[in-house]
N, C-alpha and C. Protein backbone atom coordinates (compact mmCIF):
# COMPACT_ATOMS: atom_id res chain seq x y z
N MET A 1 3.10 3.72 7.61
CA MET A 1 2.77 2.45 6.65
C MET A 1 3.41 2.24 5.47
N ARG A 2 3.96 1.08 4.98
CA ARG A 2 4.88 1.23 4.16
C ARG A 2 4.43 1.23 2.78
N LEU A 3 3.72 1.70 2.42
CA LEU A 3 3.39 2.18 1.20
C LEU A 3 4.35 2.50 0.13
N ARG A 4 4.76 3.78 0.19
CA ARG A 4 6.13 4.68 -0.16
C ARG A 4 7.25 3.53 -0.50
N GLU A 5 7.42 3.12 0.54
CA GLU A 5 8.84 2.22 0.23
C GLU A 5 8.61 1.34 -0.70
N LEU A 6 6.96 0.59 -0.60
CA LEU A 6 6.85 -0.75 -1.74
C LEU A 6 6.60 -0.06 -3.20
N ARG A 7 5.91 0.86 -3.39
CA ARG A 7 5.90 1.63 -4.38
C ARG A 7 7.18 2.33 -4.96
N LYS A 8 8.50 2.54 -4.50
CA LYS A 8 9.36 3.29 -5.02
C LYS A 8 10.51 2.01 -5.46
N ALA A 9 9.94 0.39 -4.75
CA ALA A 9 10.43 -0.63 -4.69
C ALA A 9 10.31 -1.06 -5.74
N LYS A 10 8.72 -0.90 -6.42
CA LYS A 10 8.20 -1.49 -7.83
C LYS A 10 8.73 -0.81 -8.60
N GLY A 11 9.02 0.46 -8.72
CA GLY A 11 9.16 1.19 -9.09
C GLY A 11 8.18 2.28 -10.27
N ILE A 12 7.24 2.28 -9.39
CA ILE A 12 6.20 3.07 -9.60
C ILE A 12 5.65 4.56 -9.28
N SER A 13 5.03 5.12 -10.24
CA SER A 13 4.84 6.40 -9.21
C SER A 13 3.69 6.70 -8.60
N GLN A 14 3.13 7.34 -8.23
CA GLN A 14 1.90 7.77 -7.32
C GLN A 14 0.77 7.75 -8.13
N LEU A 15 1.45 8.36 -9.15
CA LEU A 15 0.08 8.11 -10.22
C LEU A 15 -0.13 6.92 -10.71
N LYS A 16 1.05 6.15 -11.42
CA LYS A 16 0.25 4.59 -11.29
C LYS A 16 0.09 3.90 -10.68
N LEU A 17 0.18 3.86 -8.92
CA LEU A 17 -0.39 3.23 -8.56
C LEU A 17 -1.99 3.36 -8.65
N ALA A 18 -2.35 4.84 -8.33
CA ALA A 18 -3.86 5.30 -8.19
C ALA A 18 -4.25 4.81 -9.37
N VAL A 19 -3.57 4.90 -10.84
CA VAL A 19 -4.49 4.42 -11.71
C VAL A 19 -5.12 3.06 -12.01
N ASP A 20 -3.74 2.25 -11.28
CA ASP A 20 -4.06 0.83 -11.11
C ASP A 20 -4.97 0.25 -10.31
N LEU A 21 -4.79 1.39 -9.16
CA LEU A 21 -6.17 0.50 -8.32
C LEU A 21 -7.57 1.33 -8.27
N ASN A 22 -7.59 2.50 -9.55
CA ASN A 22 -8.67 3.09 -10.07
C ASN A 22 -8.87 3.83 -8.26
N MET A 23 -7.71 5.10 -8.09
CA MET A 23 -7.84 5.63 -7.27
C MET A 23 -7.51 7.18 -7.54
N ASN A 24 -7.31 8.17 -7.02
CA ASN A 24 -6.92 9.59 -6.80
C ASN A 24 -5.63 9.10 -6.37
N GLN A 25 -4.84 10.02 -7.38
CA GLN A 25 -2.99 10.54 -6.38
C GLN A 25 -3.14 11.04 -5.56
N ASN A 26 -4.14 11.79 -4.89
CA ASN A 26 -3.83 12.60 -3.87
C ASN A 26 -4.17 11.86 -2.86
N SER A 27 -4.59 10.73 -3.22
CA SER A 27 -5.34 9.98 -1.50
C SER A 27 -3.74 9.50 -1.37
N ILE A 28 -3.41 8.59 -3.17
CA ILE A 28 -1.94 7.86 -2.84
C ILE A 28 -0.89 8.89 -1.76
N SER A 29 -0.79 9.66 -2.08
CA SER A 29 0.24 10.68 -0.66
C SER A 29 -0.27 11.18 0.21
N ARG A 30 -1.37 11.49 0.16
CA ARG A 30 -2.08 11.58 1.98
C ARG A 30 -1.90 10.15 2.73
N TYR A 31 -1.97 8.89 2.23
CA TYR A 31 -1.15 7.64 2.62
C TYR A 31 -0.14 7.93 3.44
N GLU A 32 0.51 7.95 1.66
CA GLU A 32 1.94 7.88 2.20
C GLU A 32 2.48 8.75 3.51
N ASN A 33 1.87 10.17 3.49
CA ASN A 33 2.51 11.19 4.10
C ASN A 33 1.88 10.86 5.64
N GLY A 34 0.88 9.99 5.82
CA GLY A 34 0.73 10.22 7.04
C GLY A 34 -0.55 10.84 7.42
N GLN A 35 -1.30 11.58 5.92
CA GLN A 35 -2.32 12.36 6.35
C GLN A 35 -3.28 11.63 6.27
N ARG A 36 -3.89 10.76 5.86
CA ARG A 36 -5.09 9.60 5.72
C ARG A 36 -4.96 8.38 6.18
N GLU A 37 -5.81 7.69 6.52
CA GLU A 37 -5.70 6.14 6.80
C GLU A 37 -6.20 5.83 6.27
N ALA A 38 -5.41 4.56 5.55
CA ALA A 38 -6.35 3.16 5.13
C ALA A 38 -7.84 2.38 5.84
N ASP A 39 -9.15 2.17 4.91
CA ASP A 39 -9.59 1.55 5.60
C ASP A 39 -8.92 0.39 4.77
N TYR A 40 -10.40 -0.56 5.65
CA TYR A 40 -10.17 -2.24 5.48
C TYR A 40 -10.06 -2.41 4.05
N LYS A 41 -10.74 -1.99 3.48
CA LYS A 41 -11.11 -2.48 1.88
C LYS A 41 -9.20 -1.99 0.94
N THR A 42 -9.01 -0.44 1.73
CA THR A 42 -7.96 -0.19 1.02
C THR A 42 -6.75 -0.73 1.36
N LEU A 43 -6.72 -1.44 2.43
CA LEU A 43 -5.69 -2.12 2.92
C LEU A 43 -5.57 -3.47 2.29
N ILE A 44 -6.55 -3.88 2.22
CA ILE A 44 -6.45 -5.33 1.17
C ILE A 44 -6.00 -4.83 0.03
N MET A 45 -6.91 -3.87 -0.57
CA MET A 45 -6.34 -3.21 -2.03
C MET A 45 -4.57 -3.31 -2.17
N PHE A 46 -3.51 -2.69 -1.28
CA PHE A 46 -2.69 -2.55 -1.33
C PHE A 46 -2.27 -3.92 -1.23
N ALA A 47 -2.00 -4.55 -0.56
CA ALA A 47 -1.77 -5.52 -0.26
C ALA A 47 -1.76 -6.60 -1.02
N ASP A 48 -2.59 -6.70 -2.17
CA ASP A 48 -2.93 -7.80 -2.85
C ASP A 48 -2.39 -7.33 -4.21
N TYR A 49 -2.15 -6.03 -4.36
CA TYR A 49 -1.68 -5.49 -5.01
C TYR A 49 0.26 -5.49 -5.00
N PHE A 50 0.66 -5.84 -4.00
CA PHE A 50 2.15 -5.74 -3.53
C PHE A 50 2.44 -7.06 -2.80
N ASN A 51 1.72 -7.47 -2.92
CA ASN A 51 1.32 -9.38 -2.70
C ASN A 51 2.44 -9.10 -1.49
N VAL A 52 1.94 -8.37 -0.24
CA VAL A 52 2.56 -8.75 1.19
C VAL A 52 0.79 -8.88 2.29
N SER A 53 1.41 -9.00 3.16
CA SER A 53 0.26 -8.86 4.26
C SER A 53 -0.05 -7.33 4.78
N ILE A 54 -0.83 -7.41 5.49
CA ILE A 54 -1.75 -6.54 5.74
C ILE A 54 -0.87 -5.74 6.85
N ASP A 55 -0.17 -6.83 7.89
CA ASP A 55 0.55 -6.67 8.99
C ASP A 55 1.71 -6.22 8.97
N TYR A 56 2.44 -6.71 7.81
CA TYR A 56 3.94 -5.86 6.84
C TYR A 56 3.13 -4.38 6.50
N LEU A 57 2.19 -4.32 5.64
CA LEU A 57 1.99 -2.62 5.58
C LEU A 57 1.39 -2.27 6.41
N LEU A 58 1.12 -2.11 7.82
CA LEU A 58 0.74 -1.78 8.56
C LEU A 58 2.38 -1.44 10.29
N GLU A 59 3.32 -1.89 9.08
CA GLU A 59 4.53 -2.16 9.96
C GLU A 59 4.12 -3.07 11.11
N ARG A 60 3.67 -4.51 11.29
CA ARG A 60 3.48 -4.85 12.36
C ARG A 60 4.33 -6.50 12.73
N THR A 61 4.92 -6.38 11.14
CA THR A 61 5.94 -7.29 11.05
C THR A 61 7.01 -6.90 9.85
N ASN A 62 8.45 -7.47 10.38
CA ASN A 62 9.13 -7.21 8.58
C ASN A 62 9.06 -8.15 8.26
N ASN A 63 8.21 -8.96 8.39
CA ASN A 63 8.47 -10.05 7.18
C ASN A 63 7.22 -9.77 6.34
N PRO A 64 7.66 -9.86 5.11
CA PRO A 64 6.71 -9.09 4.13
C PRO A 64 5.37 -10.34 3.51
N ILE A 65 6.04 -11.06 3.85
CA ILE A 65 5.09 -13.07 2.95
C ILE A 65 3.90 -12.95 3.28
N PHE A 66 2.65 -13.40 2.84
CA PHE A 66 1.18 -13.58 3.05
C PHE A 66 1.73 -14.73 3.64
N LEU A 67 0.78 -14.66 4.83
CA LEU A 67 0.93 -16.13 5.60
C LEU A 67 -0.35 -16.60 5.51
N TYR A 68 -1.56 -16.92 5.11
CA TYR A 68 -2.47 -16.69 5.44
C TYR A 68 -3.06 -16.85 3.57
N GLU A 69 -3.00 -17.87 2.72
CA GLU A 69 -3.82 -18.24 1.83
C GLU A 69 -4.55 -19.55 1.41
């Protein structure tokens, strides 16, 4: 998942992302390190937060643009 890449590009810490999404910082770390897989609800939160498609988050495409609005 491209979570770390998106977070760093936005210049925010894991803690800031966790607070913004009402999550635990340890969960963010586990998602970024591949120790945990996000469920649908969490994927949608990440996609909405970074304004990218879920396919982009999951590395199914290199196009971050959300196509279905």
